[in-house]
Amino acid sequence: MPKLKTKSGIKKRFTLTANGLLKHGVAGKRHRLTHHTAKYIRQNRGTKLLSKADTATVKAWAPYGLQ
């Protein structure tokens, strides 16, 4: 069987934690921030963990894991 390719977008957007969860950046922080409240900007600072339901889907797109 040939090797499976990893989706190139997954390599760029997600990192795997030691517990097997996926870490990702939060959307909506690039431009037009004056339309967002201070609470929205503050709470979306940094990175978040992906939900369990979405983690299974994303892991299928990276058949040999993420670094």
N, C-alpha and C. Protein backbone atom coordinates (compact mmCIF):
# COMPACT_ATOMS: atom_id res chain seq x y z
N MET A 1 0.84 -1.19 0.00
CA MET A 1 0.00 0.00 0.00
C MET A 1 0.88 1.25 0.00
N PRO A 2 0.49 2.27 -0.75
CA PRO A 2 1.26 3.52 -0.72
C PRO A 2 1.02 4.27 0.59
N LYS A 3 1.94 5.14 0.89
CA LYS A 3 1.80 5.96 2.09
C LYS A 3 0.67 6.96 1.90
N LEU A 4 0.02 7.31 3.01
CA LEU A 4 -1.06 8.29 2.98
C LEU A 4 -0.48 9.68 3.19
N LYS A 5 -1.04 10.65 2.52
CA LYS A 5 -0.57 12.03 2.68
C LYS A 5 -1.34 12.72 3.80
N THR A 6 -0.64 13.56 4.54
CA THR A 6 -1.25 14.40 5.55
C THR A 6 -1.77 15.66 4.86
N LYS A 7 -2.97 16.09 5.26
CA LYS A 7 -3.49 17.35 4.73
C LYS A 7 -2.54 18.48 5.13
N SER A 8 -2.11 19.27 4.18
CA SER A 8 -1.09 20.28 4.46
C SER A 8 -1.59 21.36 5.41
N GLY A 9 -2.88 21.65 5.40
CA GLY A 9 -3.42 22.66 6.31
C GLY A 9 -3.38 22.21 7.76
N ILE A 10 -3.49 20.91 7.99
CA ILE A 10 -3.47 20.38 9.35
C ILE A 10 -2.09 20.56 9.97
N LYS A 11 -1.05 20.35 9.19
CA LYS A 11 0.32 20.51 9.69
C LYS A 11 0.55 21.93 10.18
N LYS A 12 -0.05 22.90 9.50
CA LYS A 12 0.19 24.30 9.81
C LYS A 12 -0.65 24.81 10.98
N ARG A 13 -1.82 24.22 11.20
CA ARG A 13 -2.78 24.81 12.11
C ARG A 13 -2.92 24.13 13.47
N PHE A 14 -2.43 22.89 13.59
CA PHE A 14 -2.64 22.14 14.82
C PHE A 14 -1.33 21.58 15.34
N THR A 15 -1.23 21.46 16.67
CA THR A 15 -0.12 20.75 17.30
C THR A 15 -0.70 19.77 18.31
N LEU A 16 -0.04 18.64 18.47
CA LEU A 16 -0.51 17.59 19.35
C LEU A 16 0.10 17.78 20.73
N THR A 17 -0.73 17.68 21.78
CA THR A 17 -0.24 17.80 23.14
C THR A 17 0.21 16.43 23.64
N ALA A 18 0.81 16.38 24.82
CA ALA A 18 1.29 15.12 25.39
C ALA A 18 0.14 14.18 25.71
N ASN A 19 -1.02 14.71 26.00
CA ASN A 19 -2.19 13.88 26.33
C ASN A 19 -2.98 13.46 25.11
N GLY A 20 -2.52 13.83 23.91
CA GLY A 20 -3.22 13.43 22.69
C GLY A 20 -4.29 14.41 22.25
N LEU A 21 -4.38 15.57 22.89
CA LEU A 21 -5.34 16.58 22.47
C LEU A 21 -4.71 17.46 21.40
N LEU A 22 -5.54 18.20 20.69
CA LEU A 22 -5.04 19.08 19.64
C LEU A 22 -5.18 20.53 20.06
N LYS A 23 -4.10 21.28 19.90
CA LYS A 23 -4.06 22.69 20.24
C LYS A 23 -4.17 23.49 18.95
N HIS A 24 -4.94 24.59 18.97
CA HIS A 24 -5.12 25.39 17.77
C HIS A 24 -5.25 26.87 18.13
N GLY A 25 -4.97 27.70 17.17
CA GLY A 25 -5.14 29.13 17.36
C GLY A 25 -6.61 29.50 17.22
N VAL A 26 -6.99 30.60 17.82
CA VAL A 26 -8.39 31.04 17.81
C VAL A 26 -8.63 31.95 16.61
N ALA A 27 -9.77 31.77 15.98
CA ALA A 27 -10.11 32.58 14.80
C ALA A 27 -10.60 33.96 15.21
N GLY A 28 -10.54 34.90 14.30
CA GLY A 28 -11.11 36.22 14.51
C GLY A 28 -10.20 37.20 15.22
N LYS A 29 -8.87 37.04 15.10
CA LYS A 29 -7.96 37.94 15.80
C LYS A 29 -7.03 38.69 14.85
N ARG A 30 -7.27 38.65 13.56
CA ARG A 30 -6.30 39.20 12.62
C ARG A 30 -6.55 40.67 12.28
N HIS A 31 -7.77 41.01 11.98
CA HIS A 31 -8.06 42.39 11.59
C HIS A 31 -9.48 42.72 12.00
N ARG A 32 -9.85 44.00 11.88
CA ARG A 32 -11.17 44.50 12.29
C ARG A 32 -11.45 44.21 13.76
N LEU A 33 -10.45 44.39 14.59
CA LEU A 33 -10.63 44.11 16.01
C LEU A 33 -11.40 45.22 16.72
N THR A 34 -11.56 46.38 16.07
CA THR A 34 -12.33 47.45 16.70
C THR A 34 -13.80 47.09 16.80
N HIS A 35 -14.26 46.13 16.00
CA HIS A 35 -15.66 45.70 16.05
C HIS A 35 -15.91 44.71 17.18
N HIS A 36 -14.84 44.14 17.74
CA HIS A 36 -15.00 43.17 18.81
C HIS A 36 -14.87 43.85 20.17
N THR A 37 -15.54 43.25 21.15
CA THR A 37 -15.47 43.81 22.50
C THR A 37 -14.12 43.44 23.13
N ALA A 38 -13.76 44.15 24.18
CA ALA A 38 -12.51 43.87 24.88
C ALA A 38 -12.56 42.47 25.49
N LYS A 39 -13.72 42.05 25.94
CA LYS A 39 -13.88 40.72 26.52
C LYS A 39 -13.60 39.64 25.47
N TYR A 40 -14.09 39.83 24.26
CA TYR A 40 -13.87 38.87 23.17
C TYR A 40 -12.38 38.74 22.86
N ILE A 41 -11.70 39.86 22.74
CA ILE A 41 -10.27 39.86 22.41
C ILE A 41 -9.47 39.22 23.55
N ARG A 42 -9.84 39.53 24.78
CA ARG A 42 -9.12 39.00 25.94
C ARG A 42 -9.30 37.49 26.08
N GLN A 43 -10.53 37.00 25.90
CA GLN A 43 -10.79 35.58 26.07
C GLN A 43 -10.21 34.74 24.94
N ASN A 44 -10.01 35.33 23.77
CA ASN A 44 -9.48 34.57 22.63
C ASN A 44 -7.98 34.75 22.45
N ARG A 45 -7.31 35.23 23.47
CA ARG A 45 -5.87 35.37 23.43
C ARG A 45 -5.22 33.98 23.57
N GLY A 46 -4.13 33.76 22.87
CA GLY A 46 -3.42 32.49 23.02
C GLY A 46 -4.03 31.39 22.18
N THR A 47 -4.01 30.17 22.69
CA THR A 47 -4.49 29.00 21.96
C THR A 47 -5.57 28.29 22.76
N LYS A 48 -6.31 27.43 22.07
CA LYS A 48 -7.38 26.65 22.70
C LYS A 48 -7.17 25.18 22.35
N LEU A 49 -7.92 24.30 23.04
CA LEU A 49 -7.91 22.88 22.74
C LEU A 49 -9.14 22.52 21.93
N LEU A 50 -8.96 21.63 20.99
CA LEU A 50 -10.06 21.20 20.13
C LEU A 50 -10.96 20.23 20.90
N SER A 51 -12.25 20.23 20.59
CA SER A 51 -13.18 19.34 21.26
C SER A 51 -12.92 17.89 20.86
N LYS A 52 -13.42 16.95 21.65
CA LYS A 52 -13.18 15.53 21.38
C LYS A 52 -13.78 15.09 20.04
N ALA A 53 -14.96 15.61 19.72
CA ALA A 53 -15.62 15.22 18.48
C ALA A 53 -14.80 15.66 17.27
N ASP A 54 -14.24 16.87 17.32
CA ASP A 54 -13.46 17.37 16.20
C ASP A 54 -12.05 16.76 16.17
N THR A 55 -11.55 16.34 17.32
CA THR A 55 -10.21 15.77 17.38
C THR A 55 -10.11 14.50 16.55
N ALA A 56 -11.14 13.65 16.61
CA ALA A 56 -11.12 12.40 15.84
C ALA A 56 -11.06 12.69 14.35
N THR A 57 -11.78 13.69 13.90
CA THR A 57 -11.79 14.04 12.48
C THR A 57 -10.43 14.55 12.04
N VAL A 58 -9.85 15.43 12.81
CA VAL A 58 -8.57 16.03 12.45
C VAL A 58 -7.45 15.00 12.48
N LYS A 59 -7.49 14.08 13.44
CA LYS A 59 -6.46 13.05 13.51
C LYS A 59 -6.52 12.12 12.30
N ALA A 60 -7.70 11.94 11.74
CA ALA A 60 -7.82 11.11 10.53
C ALA A 60 -7.15 11.78 9.34
N TRP A 61 -7.06 13.10 9.35
CA TRP A 61 -6.41 13.83 8.27
C TRP A 61 -4.89 13.81 8.40
N ALA A 62 -4.39 13.41 9.57
CA ALA A 62 -2.94 13.30 9.79
C ALA A 62 -2.66 11.85 10.18
N PRO A 63 -2.59 10.94 9.21
CA PRO A 63 -2.53 9.51 9.53
C PRO A 63 -1.30 9.08 10.31
N TYR A 64 -0.19 9.80 10.21
CA TYR A 64 1.03 9.41 10.91
C TYR A 64 1.34 10.35 12.06
N GLY A 65 0.37 11.11 12.52
CA GLY A 65 0.54 11.98 13.67
C GLY A 65 1.09 13.35 13.31
N LEU A 66 1.16 14.21 14.30
CA LEU A 66 1.66 15.57 14.15
C LEU A 66 2.85 15.77 15.08
N GLN A 67 3.74 16.68 14.73
CA GLN A 67 4.87 16.97 15.58
C GLN A 67 4.67 18.24 16.34
